[in-house]
Amino acid sequence: MSKRDELIVKYAADLKDKCGVNADMDLLTKVTIGCGPSIYNADASTVSGSDESELATVKNNFLIKKLGLSDGPKLDAGIASVMETYGKSNRNKYRAVVYYMLTKHFGKESVY
């Protein structure tokens, strides 16, 4: 099993255990591939739910540029909802899992 496949299995387990979500493995794989090499970097592979600049990066680079959503309060509410579902006390929020949940939240699976 490749390193990426191992990570995808770990992300699916995270979704199930911490978020109560059964992952669409096809979509999760595509989102993980879309994250590129950042998933292999310990710092870049996670998202800090309490760091405003980190959340702004997620909003601008993922929601607006990647998913093609227009800026507005709905984006911040979506990010807050995903962070709440993932668990604010959970320190390690994997970027691929956050992106997967945001993709589902906004119904933008068609992008992948």
PDB file of N, CA and C in Angstrom:
ATOM      1  N   MET A   1       0.846  -1.181   0.000  1.00  0.00           N
ATOM      2  CA  MET A   1       0.000   0.000   0.000  1.00  0.00           C
ATOM      3  C   MET A   1       0.888   1.240   0.000  1.00  0.00           C
ATOM      4  N   SER A   2       0.571   2.187  -0.855  1.00  0.00           N
ATOM      5  CA  SER A   2       1.390   3.399  -0.939  1.00  0.00           C
ATOM      6  C   SER A   2       1.128   4.306   0.261  1.00  0.00           C
ATOM      7  N   LYS A   3       2.016   5.257   0.448  1.00  0.00           N
ATOM      8  CA  LYS A   3       1.895   6.203   1.561  1.00  0.00           C
ATOM      9  C   LYS A   3       0.572   6.973   1.445  1.00  0.00           C
ATOM     10  N   ARG A   4       0.215   7.373   0.203  1.00  0.00           N
ATOM     11  CA  ARG A   4      -1.036   8.117   0.007  1.00  0.00           C
ATOM     12  C   ARG A   4      -2.242   7.258   0.370  1.00  0.00           C
ATOM     13  N   ASP A   5      -2.226   5.983  -0.028  1.00  0.00           N
ATOM     14  CA  ASP A   5      -3.335   5.083   0.302  1.00  0.00           C
ATOM     15  C   ASP A   5      -3.469   4.914   1.817  1.00  0.00           C
ATOM     16  N   GLU A   6      -2.329   4.832   2.509  1.00  0.00           N
ATOM     17  CA  GLU A   6      -2.358   4.719   3.976  1.00  0.00           C
ATOM     18  C   GLU A   6      -2.996   5.957   4.590  1.00  0.00           C
ATOM     19  N   LEU A   7      -2.645   7.133   4.056  1.00  0.00           N
ATOM     20  CA  LEU A   7      -3.220   8.381   4.569  1.00  0.00           C
ATOM     21  C   LEU A   7      -4.720   8.441   4.313  1.00  0.00           C
ATOM     22  N   ILE A   8      -5.158   7.992   3.132  1.00  0.00           N
ATOM     23  CA  ILE A   8      -6.588   8.016   2.806  1.00  0.00           C
ATOM     24  C   ILE A   8      -7.359   7.123   3.778  1.00  0.00           C
ATOM     25  N   VAL A   9      -6.809   5.971   4.125  1.00  0.00           N
ATOM     26  CA  VAL A   9      -7.446   5.080   5.102  1.00  0.00           C
ATOM     27  C   VAL A   9      -7.519   5.780   6.464  1.00  0.00           C
ATOM     28  N   LYS A  10      -6.437   6.479   6.830  1.00  0.00           N
ATOM     29  CA  LYS A  10      -6.411   7.210   8.108  1.00  0.00           C
ATOM     30  C   LYS A  10      -7.455   8.324   8.106  1.00  0.00           C
ATOM     31  N   TYR A  11      -7.584   9.042   6.982  1.00  0.00           N
ATOM     32  CA  TYR A  11      -8.570  10.123   6.871  1.00  0.00           C
ATOM     33  C   TYR A  11      -9.991   9.579   6.972  1.00  0.00           C
ATOM     34  N   ALA A  12     -10.247   8.436   6.330  1.00  0.00           N
ATOM     35  CA  ALA A  12     -11.579   7.824   6.378  1.00  0.00           C
ATOM     36  C   ALA A  12     -11.922   7.428   7.822  1.00  0.00           C
ATOM     37  N   ALA A  13     -10.929   6.898   8.546  1.00  0.00           N
ATOM     38  CA  ALA A  13     -11.138   6.524   9.944  1.00  0.00           C
ATOM     39  C   ALA A  13     -11.426   7.763  10.788  1.00  0.00           C
ATOM     40  N   ASP A  14     -10.717   8.857  10.505  1.00  0.00           N
ATOM     41  CA  ASP A  14     -10.935  10.124  11.205  1.00  0.00           C
ATOM     42  C   ASP A  14     -12.363  10.615  10.976  1.00  0.00           C
ATOM     43  N   LEU A  15     -12.812  10.560   9.730  1.00  0.00           N
ATOM     44  CA  LEU A  15     -14.179  10.986   9.403  1.00  0.00           C
ATOM     45  C   LEU A  15     -15.197  10.163  10.181  1.00  0.00           C
ATOM     46  N   LYS A  16     -14.981   8.863  10.228  1.00  0.00           N
ATOM     47  CA  LYS A  16     -15.933   7.970  10.898  1.00  0.00           C
ATOM     48  C   LYS A  16     -15.899   8.154  12.414  1.00  0.00           C
ATOM     49  N   ASP A  17     -14.700   8.154  12.998  1.00  0.00           N
ATOM     50  CA  ASP A  17     -14.559   8.199  14.453  1.00  0.00           C
ATOM     51  C   ASP A  17     -14.847   9.566  15.056  1.00  0.00           C
ATOM     52  N   LYS A  18     -14.353  10.626  14.425  1.00  0.00           N
ATOM     53  CA  LYS A  18     -14.461  11.956  15.023  1.00  0.00           C
ATOM     54  C   LYS A  18     -15.644  12.771  14.512  1.00  0.00           C
ATOM     55  N   CYS A  19     -16.114  12.442  13.302  1.00  0.00           N
ATOM     56  CA  CYS A  19     -17.189  13.245  12.703  1.00  0.00           C
ATOM     57  C   CYS A  19     -18.480  12.456  12.510  1.00  0.00           C
ATOM     58  N   GLY A  20     -18.415  11.144  12.697  1.00  0.00           N
ATOM     59  CA  GLY A  20     -19.597  10.326  12.501  1.00  0.00           C
ATOM     60  C   GLY A  20     -20.052  10.272  11.054  1.00  0.00           C
ATOM     61  N   VAL A  21     -19.091  10.404  10.122  1.00  0.00           N
ATOM     62  CA  VAL A  21     -19.407  10.433   8.690  1.00  0.00           C
ATOM     63  C   VAL A  21     -18.796   9.205   8.009  1.00  0.00           C
ATOM     64  N   ASN A  22     -19.602   8.500   7.229  1.00  0.00           N
ATOM     65  CA  ASN A  22     -19.058   7.428   6.403  1.00  0.00           C
ATOM     66  C   ASN A  22     -18.572   8.059   5.108  1.00  0.00           C
ATOM     67  N   ALA A  23     -17.291   7.970   4.862  1.00  0.00           N
ATOM     68  CA  ALA A  23     -16.677   8.662   3.731  1.00  0.00           C
ATOM     69  C   ALA A  23     -17.064   8.050   2.390  1.00  0.00           C
ATOM     70  N   ASP A  24     -17.263   8.933   1.418  1.00  0.00           N
ATOM     71  CA  ASP A  24     -17.366   8.533   0.017  1.00  0.00           C
ATOM     72  C   ASP A  24     -15.903   8.388  -0.406  1.00  0.00           C
ATOM     73  N   MET A  25     -15.410   7.156  -0.464  1.00  0.00           N
ATOM     74  CA  MET A  25     -13.978   6.908  -0.671  1.00  0.00           C
ATOM     75  C   MET A  25     -13.460   7.485  -1.987  1.00  0.00           C
ATOM     76  N   ASP A  26     -14.294   7.467  -3.012  1.00  0.00           N
ATOM     77  CA  ASP A  26     -13.888   8.013  -4.305  1.00  0.00           C
ATOM     78  C   ASP A  26     -13.631   9.511  -4.186  1.00  0.00           C
ATOM     79  N   LEU A  27     -14.560  10.215  -3.554  1.00  0.00           N
ATOM     80  CA  LEU A  27     -14.401  11.668  -3.373  1.00  0.00           C
ATOM     81  C   LEU A  27     -13.233  11.966  -2.440  1.00  0.00           C
ATOM     82  N   LEU A  28     -13.113  11.211  -1.348  1.00  0.00           N
ATOM     83  CA  LEU A  28     -12.021  11.427  -0.398  1.00  0.00           C
ATOM     84  C   LEU A  28     -10.666  11.243  -1.090  1.00  0.00           C
ATOM     85  N   THR A  29     -10.563  10.243  -1.948  1.00  0.00           N
ATOM     86  CA  THR A  29      -9.325  10.012  -2.699  1.00  0.00           C
ATOM     87  C   THR A  29      -9.022  11.205  -3.602  1.00  0.00           C
ATOM     88  N   LYS A  30     -10.028  11.706  -4.309  1.00  0.00           N
ATOM     89  CA  LYS A  30      -9.825  12.845  -5.218  1.00  0.00           C
ATOM     90  C   LYS A  30      -9.440  14.110  -4.455  1.00  0.00           C
ATOM     91  N   VAL A  31     -10.092  14.345  -3.310  1.00  0.00           N
ATOM     92  CA  VAL A  31      -9.759  15.519  -2.499  1.00  0.00           C
ATOM     93  C   VAL A  31      -8.325  15.398  -1.979  1.00  0.00           C
ATOM     94  N   THR A  32      -7.953  14.205  -1.530  1.00  0.00           N
ATOM     95  CA  THR A  32      -6.594  13.974  -1.012  1.00  0.00           C
ATOM     96  C   THR A  32      -5.555  14.224  -2.103  1.00  0.00           C
ATOM     97  N   ILE A  33      -5.804  13.713  -3.307  1.00  0.00           N
ATOM     98  CA  ILE A  33      -4.890  13.944  -4.431  1.00  0.00           C
ATOM     99  C   ILE A  33      -4.816  15.439  -4.731  1.00  0.00           C
ATOM    100  N   GLY A  34      -5.961  16.125  -4.630  1.00  0.00           N
ATOM    101  CA  GLY A  34      -6.012  17.573  -4.875  1.00  0.00           C
ATOM    102  C   GLY A  34      -5.194  18.382  -3.884  1.00  0.00           C
ATOM    103  N   CYS A  35      -4.965  17.832  -2.705  1.00  0.00           N
ATOM    104  CA  CYS A  35      -4.151  18.530  -1.695  1.00  0.00           C
ATOM    105  C   CYS A  35      -2.669  18.528  -2.068  1.00  0.00           C
ATOM    106  N   GLY A  36      -2.302  17.629  -2.970  1.00  0.00           N
ATOM    107  CA  GLY A  36      -0.920  17.580  -3.437  1.00  0.00           C
ATOM    108  C   GLY A  36       0.043  17.137  -2.358  1.00  0.00           C
ATOM    109  N   PRO A  37       1.292  17.597  -2.456  1.00  0.00           N
ATOM    110  CA  PRO A  37       2.328  17.134  -1.532  1.00  0.00           C
ATOM    111  C   PRO A  37       2.145  17.622  -0.094  1.00  0.00           C
ATOM    112  N   SER A  38       1.214  18.555   0.149  1.00  0.00           N
ATOM    113  CA  SER A  38       1.032  19.083   1.508  1.00  0.00           C
ATOM    114  C   SER A  38       0.636  17.982   2.502  1.00  0.00           C
ATOM    115  N   ILE A  39       0.017  16.897   2.019  1.00  0.00           N
ATOM    116  CA  ILE A  39      -0.412  15.838   2.940  1.00  0.00           C
ATOM    117  C   ILE A  39       0.763  15.087   3.566  1.00  0.00           C
ATOM    118  N   TYR A  40       1.953  15.218   2.983  1.00  0.00           N
ATOM    119  CA  TYR A  40       3.141  14.523   3.511  1.00  0.00           C
ATOM    120  C   TYR A  40       3.937  15.394   4.481  1.00  0.00           C
ATOM    121  N   ASN A  41       3.588  16.670   4.592  1.00  0.00           N
ATOM    122  CA  ASN A  41       4.290  17.600   5.473  1.00  0.00           C
ATOM    123  C   ASN A  41       3.501  17.709   6.778  1.00  0.00           C
ATOM    124  N   ALA A  42       4.155  17.440   7.898  1.00  0.00           N
ATOM    125  CA  ALA A  42       3.464  17.403   9.192  1.00  0.00           C
ATOM    126  C   ALA A  42       2.690  18.693   9.478  1.00  0.00           C
ATOM    127  N   ASP A  43       3.269  19.848   9.194  1.00  0.00           N
ATOM    128  CA  ASP A  43       2.595  21.116   9.482  1.00  0.00           C
ATOM    129  C   ASP A  43       1.500  21.411   8.467  1.00  0.00           C
ATOM    130  N   ALA A  44       1.789  21.226   7.200  1.00  0.00           N
ATOM    131  CA  ALA A  44       0.833  21.570   6.146  1.00  0.00           C
ATOM    132  C   ALA A  44      -0.333  20.591   6.053  1.00  0.00           C
ATOM    133  N   SER A  45      -0.169  19.387   6.593  1.00  0.00           N
ATOM    134  CA  SER A  45      -1.219  18.370   6.459  1.00  0.00           C
ATOM    135  C   SER A  45      -2.387  18.597   7.411  1.00  0.00           C
ATOM    136  N   THR A  46      -2.218  19.530   8.360  1.00  0.00           N
ATOM    137  CA  THR A  46      -3.294  19.805   9.313  1.00  0.00           C
ATOM    138  C   THR A  46      -3.754  21.253   9.202  1.00  0.00           C
ATOM    139  N   VAL A  47      -4.963  21.486   9.711  1.00  0.00           N
ATOM    140  CA  VAL A  47      -5.544  22.833   9.724  1.00  0.00           C
ATOM    141  C   VAL A  47      -5.777  23.206  11.178  1.00  0.00           C
ATOM    142  N   SER A  48      -5.353  24.406  11.550  1.00  0.00           N
ATOM    143  CA  SER A  48      -5.605  24.888  12.905  1.00  0.00           C
ATOM    144  C   SER A  48      -6.953  25.594  12.917  1.00  0.00           C
ATOM    145  N   GLY A  49      -7.888  25.044  13.677  1.00  0.00           N
ATOM    146  CA  GLY A  49      -9.236  25.615  13.725  1.00  0.00           C
ATOM    147  C   GLY A  49      -9.325  26.921  14.472  1.00  0.00           C
ATOM    148  N   SER A  50      -8.277  27.272  15.234  1.00  0.00           N
ATOM    149  CA  SER A  50      -8.324  28.503  16.029  1.00  0.00           C
ATOM    150  C   SER A  50      -7.460  29.621  15.434  1.00  0.00           C
ATOM    151  N   ASP A  51      -6.720  29.328  14.380  1.00  0.00           N
ATOM    152  CA  ASP A  51      -5.829  30.310  13.763  1.00  0.00           C
ATOM    153  C   ASP A  51      -6.571  31.022  12.623  1.00  0.00           C
ATOM    154  N   GLU A  52      -6.866  32.305  12.837  1.00  0.00           N
ATOM    155  CA  GLU A  52      -7.649  33.065  11.852  1.00  0.00           C
ATOM    156  C   GLU A  52      -6.980  33.114  10.474  1.00  0.00           C
ATOM    157  N   SER A  53      -5.645  33.265  10.444  1.00  0.00           N
ATOM    158  CA  SER A  53      -4.963  33.350   9.147  1.00  0.00           C
ATOM    159  C   SER A  53      -5.027  32.001   8.417  1.00  0.00           C
ATOM    160  N   GLU A  54      -4.983  30.914   9.182  1.00  0.00           N
ATOM    161  CA  GLU A  54      -5.102  29.575   8.592  1.00  0.00           C
ATOM    162  C   GLU A  54      -6.493  29.388   7.982  1.00  0.00           C
ATOM    163  N   LEU A  55      -7.513  29.823   8.709  1.00  0.00           N
ATOM    164  CA  LEU A  55      -8.888  29.692   8.215  1.00  0.00           C
ATOM    165  C   LEU A  55      -9.122  30.592   7.002  1.00  0.00           C
ATOM    166  N   ALA A  56      -8.473  31.748   6.980  1.00  0.00           N
ATOM    167  CA  ALA A  56      -8.580  32.645   5.821  1.00  0.00           C
ATOM    168  C   ALA A  56      -7.941  31.990   4.600  1.00  0.00           C
ATOM    169  N   THR A  57      -6.838  31.283   4.812  1.00  0.00           N
ATOM    170  CA  THR A  57      -6.175  30.567   3.717  1.00  0.00           C
ATOM    171  C   THR A  57      -7.094  29.483   3.160  1.00  0.00           C
ATOM    172  N   VAL A  58      -7.736  28.727   4.050  1.00  0.00           N
ATOM    173  CA  VAL A  58      -8.670  27.684   3.619  1.00  0.00           C
ATOM    174  C   VAL A  58      -9.784  28.327   2.790  1.00  0.00           C
ATOM    175  N   LYS A  59     -10.308  29.443   3.293  1.00  0.00           N
ATOM    176  CA  LYS A  59     -11.406  30.121   2.602  1.00  0.00           C
ATOM    177  C   LYS A  59     -10.974  30.613   1.221  1.00  0.00           C
ATOM    178  N   ASN A  60      -9.842  31.329   1.154  1.00  0.00           N
ATOM    179  CA  ASN A  60      -9.403  31.911  -0.121  1.00  0.00           C
ATOM    180  C   ASN A  60      -8.877  30.884  -1.112  1.00  0.00           C
ATOM    181  N   ASN A  61      -7.988  30.011  -0.653  1.00  0.00           N
ATOM    182  CA  ASN A  61      -7.341  29.077  -1.580  1.00  0.00           C
ATOM    183  C   ASN A  61      -8.194  27.870  -1.932  1.00  0.00           C
ATOM    184  N   PHE A  62      -9.047  27.437  -1.007  1.00  0.00           N
ATOM    185  CA  PHE A  62      -9.849  26.251  -1.307  1.00  0.00           C
ATOM    186  C   PHE A  62     -11.269  26.609  -1.734  1.00  0.00           C
ATOM    187  N   LEU A  63     -11.994  27.294  -0.854  1.00  0.00           N
ATOM    188  CA  LEU A  63     -13.401  27.568  -1.159  1.00  0.00           C
ATOM    189  C   LEU A  63     -13.584  28.493  -2.360  1.00  0.00           C
ATOM    190  N   ILE A  64     -12.792  29.559  -2.415  1.00  0.00           N
ATOM    191  CA  ILE A  64     -12.977  30.543  -3.490  1.00  0.00           C
ATOM    192  C   ILE A  64     -12.262  30.122  -4.767  1.00  0.00           C
ATOM    193  N   LYS A  65     -10.958  29.791  -4.657  1.00  0.00           N
ATOM    194  CA  LYS A  65     -10.192  29.453  -5.874  1.00  0.00           C
ATOM    195  C   LYS A  65     -10.502  28.064  -6.395  1.00  0.00           C
ATOM    196  N   LYS A  66     -10.519  27.045  -5.517  1.00  0.00           N
ATOM    197  CA  LYS A  66     -10.687  25.668  -5.975  1.00  0.00           C
ATOM    198  C   LYS A  66     -12.163  25.332  -6.266  1.00  0.00           C
ATOM    199  N   LEU A  67     -13.036  25.638  -5.306  1.00  0.00           N
ATOM    200  CA  LEU A  67     -14.447  25.275  -5.477  1.00  0.00           C
ATOM    201  C   LEU A  67     -15.240  26.332  -6.255  1.00  0.00           C
ATOM    202  N   GLY A  68     -14.660  27.525  -6.426  1.00  0.00           N
ATOM    203  CA  GLY A  68     -15.323  28.559  -7.221  1.00  0.00           C
ATOM    204  C   GLY A  68     -16.498  29.227  -6.520  1.00  0.00           C
ATOM    205  N   LEU A  69     -16.475  29.245  -5.195  1.00  0.00           N
ATOM    206  CA  LEU A  69     -17.552  29.894  -4.445  1.00  0.00           C
ATOM    207  C   LEU A  69     -17.253  31.381  -4.325  1.00  0.00           C
ATOM    208  N   SER A  70     -18.304  32.196  -4.199  1.00  0.00           N
ATOM    209  CA  SER A  70     -18.071  33.630  -4.031  1.00  0.00           C
ATOM    210  C   SER A  70     -17.997  33.946  -2.538  1.00  0.00           C
ATOM    211  N   ASP A  71     -17.140  34.915  -2.206  1.00  0.00           N
ATOM    212  CA  ASP A  71     -16.883  35.275  -0.817  1.00  0.00           C
ATOM    213  C   ASP A  71     -18.156  35.798  -0.162  1.00  0.00           C
ATOM    214  N   GLY A  72     -18.296  35.506   1.099  1.00  0.00           N
ATOM    215  CA  GLY A  72     -19.452  35.977   1.843  1.00  0.00           C
ATOM    216  C   GLY A  72     -19.537  35.284   3.189  1.00  0.00           C
ATOM    217  N   PRO A  73     -20.498  35.696   4.008  1.00  0.00           N
ATOM    218  CA  PRO A  73     -20.634  35.113   5.349  1.00  0.00           C
ATOM    219  C   PRO A  73     -20.937  33.617   5.336  1.00  0.00           C
ATOM    220  N   LYS A  74     -21.513  33.109   4.225  1.00  0.00           N
ATOM    221  CA  LYS A  74     -21.817  31.679   4.137  1.00  0.00           C
ATOM    222  C   LYS A  74     -20.537  30.837   4.204  1.00  0.00           C
ATOM    223  N   LEU A  75     -19.440  31.359   3.642  1.00  0.00           N
ATOM    224  CA  LEU A  75     -18.182  30.610   3.658  1.00  0.00           C
ATOM    225  C   LEU A  75     -17.657  30.466   5.086  1.00  0.00           C
ATOM    226  N   ASP A  76     -17.682  31.579   5.826  1.00  0.00           N
ATOM    227  CA  ASP A  76     -17.212  31.531   7.221  1.00  0.00           C
ATOM    228  C   ASP A  76     -18.099  30.606   8.049  1.00  0.00           C
ATOM    229  N   ALA A  77     -19.404  30.657   7.801  1.00  0.00           N
ATOM    230  CA  ALA A  77     -20.339  29.793   8.530  1.00  0.00           C
ATOM    231  C   ALA A  77     -20.076  28.326   8.198  1.00  0.00           C
ATOM    232  N   GLY A  78     -19.771  28.049   6.928  1.00  0.00           N
ATOM    233  CA  GLY A  78     -19.464  26.674   6.510  1.00  0.00           C
ATOM    234  C   GLY A  78     -18.214  26.148   7.177  1.00  0.00           C
ATOM    235  N   ILE A  79     -17.172  26.990   7.218  1.00  0.00           N
ATOM    236  CA  ILE A  79     -15.913  26.599   7.877  1.00  0.00           C
ATOM    237  C   ILE A  79     -16.176  26.357   9.364  1.00  0.00           C
ATOM    238  N   ALA A  80     -16.921  27.253  10.004  1.00  0.00           N
ATOM    239  CA  ALA A  80     -17.225  27.110  11.435  1.00  0.00           C
ATOM    240  C   ALA A  80     -18.002  25.816  11.694  1.00  0.00           C
ATOM    241  N   SER A  81     -18.938  25.505  10.813  1.00  0.00           N
ATOM    242  CA  SER A  81     -19.738  24.291  10.945  1.00  0.00           C
ATOM    243  C   SER A  81     -18.866  23.036  10.850  1.00  0.00           C
ATOM    244  N   VAL A  82     -17.954  23.026   9.871  1.00  0.00           N
ATOM    245  CA  VAL A  82     -17.052  21.884   9.694  1.00  0.00           C
ATOM    246  C   VAL A  82     -16.123  21.742  10.903  1.00  0.00           C
ATOM    247  N   MET A  83     -15.592  22.862  11.398  1.00  0.00           N
ATOM    248  CA  MET A  83     -14.703  22.811  12.570  1.00  0.00           C
ATOM    249  C   MET A  83     -15.462  22.295  13.793  1.00  0.00           C
ATOM    250  N   GLU A  84     -16.717  22.692  13.927  1.00  0.00           N
ATOM    251  CA  GLU A  84     -17.557  22.232  15.036  1.00  0.00           C
ATOM    252  C   GLU A  84     -17.792  20.723  14.929  1.00  0.00           C
ATOM    253  N   THR A  85     -18.092  20.244  13.722  1.00  0.00           N
ATOM    254  CA  THR A  85     -18.330  18.820  13.493  1.00  0.00           C
ATOM    255  C   THR A  85     -17.071  18.015  13.777  1.00  0.00           C
ATOM    256  N   TYR A  86     -15.916  18.534  13.338  1.00  0.00           N
ATOM    257  CA  TYR A  86     -14.634  17.831  13.525  1.00  0.00           C
ATOM    258  C   TYR A  86     -14.257  17.804  15.006  1.00  0.00           C
ATOM    259  N   GLY A  87     -14.725  18.801  15.753  1.00  0.00           N
ATOM    260  CA  GLY A  87     -14.441  18.870  17.185  1.00  0.00           C
ATOM    261  C   GLY A  87     -13.381  19.905  17.481  1.00  0.00           C
ATOM    262  N   LYS A  88     -13.791  20.983  18.146  1.00  0.00           N
ATOM    263  CA  LYS A  88     -12.856  22.066  18.454  1.00  0.00           C
ATOM    264  C   LYS A  88     -11.712  21.590  19.341  1.00  0.00           C
ATOM    265  N   SER A  89     -11.967  20.607  20.196  1.00  0.00           N
ATOM    266  CA  SER A  89     -10.923  20.128  21.107  1.00  0.00           C
ATOM    267  C   SER A  89      -9.942  19.184  20.412  1.00  0.00           C
ATOM    268  N   ASN A  90     -10.299  18.731  19.232  1.00  0.00           N
ATOM    269  CA  ASN A  90      -9.436  17.825  18.474  1.00  0.00           C
ATOM    270  C   ASN A  90      -8.288  18.622  17.847  1.00  0.00           C
ATOM    271  N   ARG A  91      -7.075  18.383  18.309  1.00  0.00           N
ATOM    272  CA  ARG A  91      -5.937  19.188  17.845  1.00  0.00           C
ATOM    273  C   ARG A  91      -5.565  18.920  16.388  1.00  0.00           C
ATOM    274  N   ASN A  92      -5.578  17.673  15.977  1.00  0.00           N
ATOM    275  CA  ASN A  92      -5.167  17.345  14.607  1.00  0.00           C
ATOM    276  C   ASN A  92      -6.361  17.262  13.675  1.00  0.00           C
ATOM    277  N   LYS A  93      -6.574  18.328  12.939  1.00  0.00           N
ATOM    278  CA  LYS A  93      -7.627  18.342  11.927  1.00  0.00           C
ATOM    279  C   LYS A  93      -6.925  18.216  10.579  1.00  0.00           C
ATOM    280  N   TYR A  94      -7.036  17.053   9.972  1.00  0.00           N
ATOM    281  CA  TYR A  94      -6.343  16.827   8.710  1.00  0.00           C
ATOM    282  C   TYR A  94      -6.938  17.672   7.600  1.00  0.00           C
ATOM    283  N   ARG A  95      -6.056  18.314   6.830  1.00  0.00           N
ATOM    284  CA  ARG A  95      -6.476  19.196   5.736  1.00  0.00           C
ATOM    285  C   ARG A  95      -7.398  18.467   4.755  1.00  0.00           C
ATOM    286  N   ALA A  96      -7.039  17.249   4.375  1.00  0.00           N
ATOM    287  CA  ALA A  96      -7.857  16.508   3.408  1.00  0.00           C
ATOM    288  C   ALA A  96      -9.259  16.243   3.958  1.00  0.00           C
ATOM    289  N   VAL A  97      -9.356  15.974   5.253  1.00  0.00           N
ATOM    290  CA  VAL A  97     -10.665  15.718   5.875  1.00  0.00           C
ATOM    291  C   VAL A  97     -11.486  17.005   5.913  1.00  0.00           C
ATOM    292  N   VAL A  98     -10.844  18.111   6.292  1.00  0.00           N
ATOM    293  CA  VAL A  98     -11.541  19.408   6.328  1.00  0.00           C
ATOM    294  C   VAL A  98     -12.023  19.767   4.929  1.00  0.00           C
ATOM    295  N   TYR A  99     -11.165  19.606   3.917  1.00  0.00           N
ATOM    296  CA  TYR A  99     -11.549  19.925   2.540  1.00  0.00           C
ATOM    297  C   TYR A  99     -12.675  19.026   2.053  1.00  0.00           C
ATOM    298  N   TYR A 100     -12.611  17.746   2.419  1.00  0.00           N
ATOM    299  CA  TYR A 100     -13.665  16.801   2.047  1.00  0.00           C
ATOM    300  C   TYR A 100     -15.001  17.261   2.637  1.00  0.00           C
ATOM    301  N   MET A 101     -14.992  17.596   3.925  1.00  0.00           N
ATOM    302  CA  MET A 101     -16.242  18.000   4.587  1.00  0.00           C
ATOM    303  C   MET A 101     -16.761  19.325   4.025  1.00  0.00           C
ATOM    304  N   LEU A 102     -15.862  20.240   3.685  1.00  0.00           N
ATOM    305  CA  LEU A 102     -16.294  21.499   3.074  1.00  0.00           C
ATOM    306  C   LEU A 102     -16.899  21.250   1.690  1.00  0.00           C
ATOM    307  N   THR A 103     -16.288  20.350   0.925  1.00  0.00           N
ATOM    308  CA  THR A 103     -16.806  20.008  -0.397  1.00  0.00           C
ATOM    309  C   THR A 103     -18.224  19.458  -0.267  1.00  0.00           C
ATOM    310  N   LYS A 104     -18.431  18.562   0.703  1.00  0.00           N
ATOM    311  CA  LYS A 104     -19.760  17.990   0.946  1.00  0.00           C
ATOM    312  C   LYS A 104     -20.727  19.067   1.444  1.00  0.00           C
ATOM    313  N   HIS A 105     -20.257  19.911   2.372  1.00  0.00           N
ATOM    314  CA  HIS A 105     -21.101  20.950   2.971  1.00  0.00           C
ATOM    315  C   HIS A 105     -21.682  21.880   1.905  1.00  0.00           C
ATOM    316  N   PHE A 106     -20.841  22.271   0.960  1.00  0.00           N
ATOM    317  CA  PHE A 106     -21.275  23.211  -0.077  1.00  0.00           C
ATOM    318  C   PHE A 106     -21.812  22.513  -1.332  1.00  0.00           C
ATOM    319  N   GLY A 107     -21.860  21.171  -1.309  1.00  0.00           N
ATOM    320  CA  GLY A 107     -22.403  20.432  -2.446  1.00  0.00           C
ATOM    321  C   GLY A 107     -21.614  20.613  -3.727  1.00  0.00           C
ATOM    322  N   LYS A 108     -20.289  20.697  -3.607  1.00  0.00           N
ATOM    323  CA  LYS A 108     -19.435  20.956  -4.767  1.00  0.00           C
ATOM    324  C   LYS A 108     -18.654  19.712  -5.215  1.00  0.00           C
ATOM    325  N   GLU A 109     -19.219  18.529  -4.999  1.00  0.00           N
ATOM    326  CA  GLU A 109     -18.549  17.295  -5.391  1.00  0.00           C
ATOM    327  C   GLU A 109     -18.223  17.286  -6.877  1.00  0.00           C
ATOM    328  N   SER A 110     -19.021  17.994  -7.658  1.00  0.00           N
ATOM    329  CA  SER A 110     -18.825  18.019  -9.119  1.00  0.00           C
ATOM    330  C   SER A 110     -17.474  18.620  -9.522  1.00  0.00           C
ATOM    331  N   VAL A 111     -16.857  19.421  -8.642  1.00  0.00           N
ATOM    332  CA  VAL A 111     -15.542  20.012  -8.935  1.00  0.00           C
ATOM    333  C   VAL A 111     -14.515  18.894  -9.125  1.00  0.00           C
ATOM    334  N   TYR A 112     -14.690  17.808  -8.386  1.00  0.00           N
ATOM    335  CA  TYR A 112     -13.768  16.679  -8.475  1.00  0.00           C
ATOM    336  C   TYR A 112     -14.295  15.660  -9.434  1.00  0.00           C
TER     337      TYR A 112
END
